[in-house]
Amino acid sequence: MATRKEIAALAGVSQATVSRVLNGDASFKIKPETRRRIMRAAAQLGFANVPMRTIAVLDVHPQVEGLEDEYFQALRQEVEQVAHEQGMTLTYFEDAAELIAGADDYDGFLAIGPGLIEREDLERLHESLPYGVFMDTNPAPAWFDSVQPDLSQCMLDALDAFIDAGRRRIGFIGGRGLIMGLHNHKEDIRSMAFVDWSERLGLDNRDLVYAHGPVTVDNGRALAERMLEEHPEGDRPDAIIVATDPMAVGVLQAFASAGVKVPDDIAVISVNNLPIAQYTAPPLTTFDIDQHELVYVGLETLKDAIARNRTCRHHLLISATLVPRGSFTPMLR
């Protein structure tokens, strides 16, 4: 392993400075670029366990409450847990401008909220704090890293599971688009992937895509009611993929009110595996997103970018696992 003398020589600083940085001395004041130069030298020479200072967490809350925000509440808890396991201290910001103003105090940041950040703020954030990882979203792929669940694969896996069970008239219910690459798409990745994979699999179901409005219980119910109204018995789907568990709660409510039996008449697969999924009627079959792995990979990605002064952005996908419950039982392969 490299010595601190070798690290100091490569970084162009004193051994004392290297020692205080590598010992994680929080009281030691040093220019951010000097600190990063030491970390890069340590990483280049194979020095293990280079410490990080306090990590900033940019938590831009969505304009929803309760069940609709439960996924991100759980993600925040995982960030706290993983940071604690790795001996890191977190400082939270709900506004990008506030983080930009204090950028010199941090090595990098995680962003965990789905709220909109304006392009100008993203550009200023990149200039002041270029090392950042967006969790579950990817608003600026040229400027920051991202770690996301592989929702496109979830859609393909769900379609395959329904087809294996002999169900080919498959619909989709989802909400408005998310921010992707500085663009606010009307469709999010789930509806886009559903349509794309359906075409590739030879499924004629474009008239069964209902994807607009907020990702809420009420909107899920409203879209399901509209689907049933526009597709009376005999023309209805025999399976539905729902973008999120909160929307699926509303879908199940609409089906129950209309006398549609789940899964006999229409099978349902959802995404997120929130705690509520166990208590719906019937319990939801849904994709579980491993948030602990999502956060762990996010922090490792951030540490790698800082240590190596990496300018090539990494965009990583984390697989999800289907959890079978009462709304659909997949065939065994």
Protein backbone atom coordinates (compact mmCIF):
# COMPACT_ATOMS: atom_id res chain seq x y z
CA MET A 1 0.00 0.00 0.00
CA ALA A 2 1.19 3.54 -0.74
CA THR A 3 2.78 5.59 2.02
CA ARG A 4 1.59 9.03 2.99
CA LYS A 5 4.94 10.38 1.85
CA GLU A 6 4.26 9.04 -1.66
CA ILE A 7 0.75 10.49 -1.64
CA ALA A 8 2.09 13.88 -0.50
CA ALA A 9 4.68 13.89 -3.28
CA LEU A 10 2.15 13.04 -5.97
CA ALA A 11 -0.39 15.57 -4.67
CA GLY A 12 2.21 18.31 -4.15
CA VAL A 13 1.40 18.91 -0.47
CA SER A 14 3.02 18.19 2.88
CA GLN A 15 2.82 14.85 4.67
CA ALA A 16 1.11 16.61 7.56
CA THR A 17 -1.65 17.80 5.24
CA VAL A 18 -2.08 14.31 3.84
CA SER A 19 -2.26 12.83 7.35
CA ARG A 20 -4.96 15.24 8.49
CA VAL A 21 -7.05 14.63 5.37
CA LEU A 22 -6.72 10.84 5.50
CA ASN A 23 -7.44 10.84 9.24
CA GLY A 24 -10.72 12.61 8.54
CA ASP A 25 -9.89 15.68 10.62
CA ALA A 26 -13.13 17.66 10.36
CA SER A 27 -11.55 20.77 11.89
CA PHE A 28 -8.82 20.96 9.23
CA LYS A 29 -9.55 23.73 6.73
CA ILE A 30 -8.27 23.05 3.24
CA LYS A 31 -9.24 24.21 -0.24
CA PRO A 32 -11.67 21.78 -1.87
CA GLU A 33 -9.42 21.30 -4.91
CA THR A 34 -6.41 20.52 -2.71
CA ARG A 35 -8.41 17.95 -0.79
CA ARG A 36 -9.62 16.37 -4.02
CA ARG A 37 -6.05 16.27 -5.34
CA ILE A 38 -4.98 14.34 -2.24
CA MET A 39 -7.89 11.92 -2.61
CA ARG A 40 -7.08 11.35 -6.29
CA ALA A 41 -3.41 10.71 -5.46
CA ALA A 42 -4.39 8.27 -2.71
CA ALA A 43 -6.75 6.41 -5.02
CA GLN A 44 -4.20 6.35 -7.83
CA LEU A 45 -1.57 4.84 -5.52
CA GLY A 46 -3.97 2.23 -4.16
CA PHE A 47 -4.54 3.71 -0.70
CA ALA A 48 -7.63 2.04 0.76
CA ASN A 49 -10.49 3.67 2.66
CA VAL A 50 -9.98 7.29 1.72
CA PRO A 51 -12.37 9.12 4.07
CA MET A 52 -15.10 11.44 2.86
CA ARG A 53 -16.28 14.54 4.65
CA THR A 54 -19.89 15.40 5.25
CA ILE A 55 -21.98 14.54 2.22
CA ALA A 56 -24.66 16.94 1.06
CA VAL A 57 -28.09 15.48 0.35
CA LEU A 58 -30.23 17.46 -2.06
CA ASP A 59 -33.77 16.39 -1.15
CA VAL A 60 -36.21 18.15 -3.45
CA HIS A 61 -39.59 17.02 -2.17
CA PRO A 62 -42.43 16.19 -4.56
CA GLN A 63 -45.67 18.11 -4.38
CA VAL A 64 -47.50 15.17 -2.82
CA GLU A 65 -47.97 13.81 0.65
CA GLY A 66 -48.78 10.55 2.36
CA LEU A 67 -48.88 7.33 0.38
CA GLU A 68 -47.62 8.95 -2.83
CA ASP A 69 -44.38 10.04 -1.10
CA GLU A 70 -43.87 6.80 0.83
CA TYR A 71 -41.30 5.46 -1.62
CA PHE A 72 -39.07 8.51 -1.18
CA GLN A 73 -39.58 8.51 2.58
CA ALA A 74 -38.18 4.98 2.61
CA LEU A 75 -35.32 6.06 0.34
CA ARG A 76 -34.39 8.83 2.78
CA GLN A 77 -34.27 6.31 5.61
CA GLU A 78 -31.96 4.06 3.57
CA VAL A 79 -29.63 6.99 2.89
CA GLU A 80 -29.40 7.61 6.64
CA GLN A 81 -28.75 3.93 7.37
CA VAL A 82 -26.07 3.40 4.72
CA ALA A 83 -24.32 6.66 5.63
CA HIS A 84 -24.29 5.58 9.28
CA GLU A 85 -22.83 2.20 8.34
CA GLN A 86 -20.03 3.94 6.46
CA GLY A 87 -19.35 6.54 9.13
CA MET A 88 -20.53 9.49 7.04
CA THR A 89 -22.33 12.61 8.17
CA LEU A 90 -25.16 14.01 6.07
CA THR A 91 -26.34 17.59 5.66
CA TYR A 92 -29.70 18.08 3.97
CA PHE A 93 -30.73 20.76 1.50
CA GLU A 94 -34.20 21.21 0.02
CA ASP A 95 -33.11 23.90 -2.40
CA ALA A 96 -30.39 23.70 -5.05
CA ALA A 97 -29.44 27.37 -4.62
CA GLU A 98 -28.72 26.80 -0.93
CA LEU A 99 -26.44 23.85 -1.73
CA ILE A 100 -24.66 25.87 -4.42
CA ALA A 101 -23.93 28.61 -1.87
CA GLY A 102 -22.33 26.12 0.52
CA ALA A 103 -20.71 23.84 -2.07
CA ASP A 104 -17.12 24.38 -0.83
CA ASP A 105 -17.97 22.58 2.42
CA TYR A 106 -18.71 19.27 0.70
CA ASP A 107 -16.92 16.68 -1.40
CA GLY A 108 -20.06 15.75 -3.28
CA PHE A 109 -23.80 15.25 -3.00
CA LEU A 110 -26.62 12.75 -3.38
CA ALA A 111 -29.96 13.88 -4.78
CA ILE A 112 -32.94 11.80 -3.68
CA GLY A 113 -36.11 13.81 -4.30
CA PRO A 114 -38.20 13.70 -7.49
CA GLY A 115 -38.97 17.43 -7.49
CA LEU A 116 -38.07 19.56 -10.49
CA ILE A 117 -34.69 21.36 -10.52
CA GLU A 118 -34.39 24.06 -13.14
CA ARG A 119 -31.74 23.69 -15.85
CA GLU A 120 -29.97 26.87 -14.72
CA ASP A 121 -29.64 25.52 -11.18
CA LEU A 122 -28.34 22.19 -12.45
CA GLU A 123 -25.68 23.97 -14.49
CA ARG A 124 -24.62 26.17 -11.56
CA LEU A 125 -24.55 23.10 -9.30
CA HIS A 126 -22.25 21.30 -11.74
CA GLU A 127 -19.90 24.29 -11.83
CA SER A 128 -19.71 24.59 -8.04
CA LEU A 129 -19.93 20.91 -7.01
CA PRO A 130 -19.28 18.62 -9.99
CA TYR A 131 -19.48 15.34 -8.05
CA GLY A 132 -23.09 14.29 -7.58
CA VAL A 133 -25.30 11.22 -7.91
CA PHE A 134 -29.02 11.40 -8.59
CA MET A 135 -30.97 8.57 -7.00
CA ASP A 136 -34.00 7.25 -8.89
CA THR A 137 -33.97 10.13 -11.39
CA ASN A 138 -31.59 11.30 -14.11
CA PRO A 139 -32.16 14.99 -14.90
CA ALA A 140 -28.64 15.90 -16.11
CA PRO A 141 -26.82 12.83 -17.49
CA ALA A 142 -23.99 14.88 -19.01
CA TRP A 143 -23.20 16.57 -15.68
CA PHE A 144 -23.91 14.03 -12.91
CA ASP A 145 -23.99 10.29 -12.25
CA SER A 146 -27.23 8.45 -11.56
CA VAL A 147 -28.42 5.18 -10.03
CA GLN A 148 -31.92 4.02 -10.87
CA PRO A 149 -34.10 0.92 -10.71
CA ASP A 150 -34.32 -0.82 -14.08
CA LEU A 151 -37.96 0.03 -14.74
CA SER A 152 -37.75 -0.85 -18.42
CA GLN A 153 -36.74 -4.40 -17.49
CA CYS A 154 -39.62 -4.50 -14.99
CA MET A 155 -42.07 -3.77 -17.81
CA LEU A 156 -40.59 -6.52 -19.98
CA ASP A 157 -40.59 -9.00 -17.09
CA ALA A 158 -44.23 -8.18 -16.30
CA LEU A 159 -45.28 -8.58 -19.92
CA ASP A 160 -43.43 -11.91 -20.15
CA ALA A 161 -45.08 -13.14 -16.94
CA PHE A 162 -48.56 -12.29 -18.23
CA ILE A 163 -47.89 -13.85 -21.65
CA ASP A 164 -46.58 -17.04 -19.99
CA ALA A 165 -49.89 -17.19 -18.09
CA GLY A 166 -51.86 -16.90 -21.35
CA ARG A 167 -52.84 -13.26 -20.90
CA ARG A 168 -52.10 -11.14 -23.99
CA ARG A 169 -54.61 -8.27 -23.80
CA ILE A 170 -52.49 -6.27 -21.41
CA GLY A 171 -53.11 -2.67 -20.39
CA PHE A 172 -51.04 -0.03 -18.62
CA ILE A 173 -51.99 2.63 -16.08
CA GLY A 174 -49.46 5.27 -15.06
CA GLY A 175 -48.88 8.93 -14.36
CA ARG A 176 -47.20 11.91 -15.93
CA GLY A 177 -43.61 11.81 -17.07
CA LEU A 178 -40.48 12.36 -15.04
CA ILE A 179 -37.47 14.57 -15.71
CA MET A 180 -35.03 12.85 -18.06
CA GLY A 181 -31.96 14.56 -19.48
CA LEU A 182 -33.14 18.14 -18.93
CA HIS A 183 -36.44 17.33 -20.63
CA ASN A 184 -39.85 17.02 -19.00
CA HIS A 185 -41.38 14.09 -20.88
CA LYS A 186 -45.12 13.56 -20.98
CA GLU A 187 -44.39 9.84 -20.64
CA ASP A 188 -42.11 8.32 -18.06
CA ILE A 189 -39.81 5.40 -18.67
CA ARG A 190 -42.43 2.85 -17.60
CA SER A 191 -45.05 3.84 -20.14
CA MET A 192 -42.42 4.33 -22.84
CA ALA A 193 -40.95 0.89 -22.15
CA PHE A 194 -44.41 -0.71 -21.98
CA VAL A 195 -45.32 0.59 -25.43
CA ASP A 196 -41.93 -0.33 -26.91
CA TRP A 197 -41.81 -3.86 -25.52
CA SER A 198 -45.46 -4.47 -26.39
CA GLU A 199 -44.74 -3.69 -30.04
CA ARG A 200 -41.68 -5.94 -30.05
CA LEU A 201 -43.72 -8.77 -28.52
CA GLY A 202 -46.52 -8.37 -31.06
CA LEU A 203 -49.13 -7.16 -28.57
CA ASP A 204 -51.93 -4.98 -29.91
CA ASN A 205 -52.69 -2.89 -26.84
CA ARG A 206 -52.11 0.80 -27.67
CA ASP A 207 -55.77 1.51 -26.87
CA LEU A 208 -55.17 0.17 -23.35
CA VAL A 209 -52.49 2.68 -22.32
CA TYR A 210 -53.75 5.23 -19.78
CA ALA A 211 -50.77 7.27 -18.61
CA HIS A 212 -51.28 10.87 -17.58
CA GLY A 213 -51.94 12.96 -14.50
CA PRO A 214 -50.38 12.67 -11.03
CA VAL A 215 -49.04 9.44 -9.54
CA THR A 216 -51.72 9.23 -6.86
CA VAL A 217 -54.37 6.85 -5.55
CA ASP A 218 -57.15 9.11 -6.84
CA ASN A 219 -55.71 9.29 -10.34
CA GLY A 220 -55.16 5.54 -10.44
CA ARG A 221 -58.82 5.05 -9.59
CA ALA A 222 -59.95 7.64 -12.16
CA LEU A 223 -57.88 6.13 -14.96
CA ALA A 224 -59.11 2.62 -14.15
CA GLU A 225 -62.74 3.84 -14.19
CA ARG A 226 -62.13 5.47 -17.57
CA MET A 227 -60.55 2.27 -18.92
CA LEU A 228 -63.55 0.21 -17.82
CA GLU A 229 -65.97 2.76 -19.29
CA GLU A 230 -64.21 2.85 -22.65
CA HIS A 231 -63.71 -0.93 -22.75
CA PRO A 232 -66.89 -2.70 -21.63
CA GLU A 233 -67.04 -6.38 -20.82
CA GLY A 234 -65.79 -8.39 -23.79
CA ASP A 235 -63.30 -5.71 -24.77
CA ARG A 236 -61.51 -5.38 -21.45
CA PRO A 237 -57.90 -6.30 -20.81
CA ASP A 238 -57.17 -9.54 -18.98
CA ALA A 239 -54.10 -8.02 -17.28
CA ILE A 240 -52.89 -4.59 -16.18
CA ILE A 241 -49.45 -3.23 -15.33
CA VAL A 242 -49.63 -0.24 -12.97
CA ALA A 243 -46.73 2.21 -12.68
CA THR A 244 -46.72 2.48 -8.87
CA ASP A 245 -48.34 0.89 -5.84
CA PRO A 246 -50.27 4.06 -4.85
CA MET A 247 -51.90 4.14 -8.28
CA ALA A 248 -52.56 0.40 -8.02
CA VAL A 249 -54.50 0.97 -4.79
CA GLY A 250 -56.86 3.23 -6.74
CA VAL A 251 -57.06 0.73 -9.60
CA LEU A 252 -58.12 -2.05 -7.23
CA GLN A 253 -60.74 0.25 -5.70
CA ALA A 254 -62.21 0.98 -9.14
CA PHE A 255 -62.25 -2.70 -10.08
CA ALA A 256 -63.96 -3.64 -6.82
CA SER A 257 -66.65 -1.00 -7.33
CA ALA A 258 -67.29 -2.24 -10.88
CA GLY A 259 -67.46 -5.89 -9.81
CA VAL A 260 -64.28 -6.82 -11.66
CA LYS A 261 -62.61 -9.77 -9.95
CA VAL A 262 -58.83 -9.66 -9.48
CA PRO A 263 -57.03 -11.74 -10.67
CA ASP A 264 -59.78 -13.87 -12.32
CA ASP A 265 -61.07 -11.14 -14.64
CA ILE A 266 -58.05 -8.84 -14.71
CA ALA A 267 -54.65 -9.65 -13.18
CA VAL A 268 -52.57 -6.78 -11.79
CA ILE A 269 -48.82 -6.21 -11.43
CA SER A 270 -47.47 -3.03 -9.86
CA VAL A 271 -44.10 -1.45 -8.98
CA ASN A 272 -42.41 -0.40 -5.68
CA ASN A 273 -43.49 -3.04 -3.12
CA LEU A 274 -44.56 -0.47 -0.56
CA PRO A 275 -45.90 -1.83 2.76
CA ILE A 276 -49.47 -1.08 1.64
CA ALA A 277 -49.11 -3.73 -1.09
CA GLN A 278 -49.51 -6.47 1.53
CA TYR A 279 -52.84 -5.12 2.77
CA THR A 280 -54.81 -4.34 -0.37
CA ALA A 281 -57.66 -6.61 -1.48
CA PRO A 282 -56.28 -8.74 -2.97
CA PRO A 283 -52.65 -8.15 -1.93
CA LEU A 284 -50.59 -6.68 -4.76
CA THR A 285 -48.10 -8.57 -6.87
CA THR A 286 -45.42 -5.94 -7.32
CA PHE A 287 -41.75 -5.37 -8.12
CA ASP A 288 -39.54 -4.85 -5.09
CA ILE A 289 -36.85 -2.19 -5.56
CA ASP A 290 -33.86 -2.84 -3.31
CA GLN A 291 -33.40 0.67 -1.96
CA HIS A 292 -30.49 -0.34 0.28
CA GLU A 293 -28.57 -1.52 -2.78
CA LEU A 294 -29.64 1.59 -4.67
CA VAL A 295 -28.16 3.86 -1.99
CA TYR A 296 -25.05 1.75 -1.43
CA VAL A 297 -24.22 1.80 -5.14
CA GLY A 298 -24.95 5.53 -5.22
CA LEU A 299 -22.46 6.28 -2.46
CA GLU A 300 -19.82 4.02 -4.01
CA THR A 301 -20.33 5.78 -7.34
CA LEU A 302 -19.94 9.15 -5.64
CA LYS A 303 -16.76 8.10 -3.85
CA ASP A 304 -15.31 6.79 -7.10
CA ALA A 305 -16.05 10.03 -8.96
CA ILE A 306 -14.42 12.14 -6.23
CA ALA A 307 -11.36 9.94 -5.77
CA ARG A 308 -10.59 9.64 -9.48
CA ASN A 309 -11.77 13.11 -10.54
CA ARG A 310 -13.92 11.23 -13.01
CA THR A 311 -15.57 13.30 -15.71
CA CYS A 312 -17.09 10.35 -17.58
CA ARG A 313 -20.56 10.00 -16.07
CA HIS A 314 -21.86 6.64 -14.88
CA HIS A 315 -25.54 5.72 -15.13
CA LEU A 316 -26.29 2.48 -13.33
CA LEU A 317 -29.43 0.34 -13.30
CA ILE A 318 -30.44 -1.83 -10.34
CA SER A 319 -32.64 -4.85 -11.03
CA ALA A 320 -35.96 -5.36 -9.23
CA THR A 321 -37.59 -8.59 -8.06
CA LEU A 322 -41.22 -9.53 -8.60
CA VAL A 323 -42.99 -10.36 -5.31
CA PRO A 324 -46.03 -12.59 -6.08
CA ARG A 325 -49.20 -11.99 -4.10
CA GLY A 326 -52.91 -12.32 -4.69
CA SER A 327 -53.36 -9.98 -7.65
CA PHE A 328 -51.38 -12.31 -9.96
CA THR A 329 -49.48 -15.57 -9.60
CA PRO A 330 -46.82 -16.03 -12.29
CA MET A 331 -46.15 -19.41 -13.85
CA LEU A 332 -43.07 -21.26 -12.63
CA ARG A 333 -40.27 -21.37 -15.19
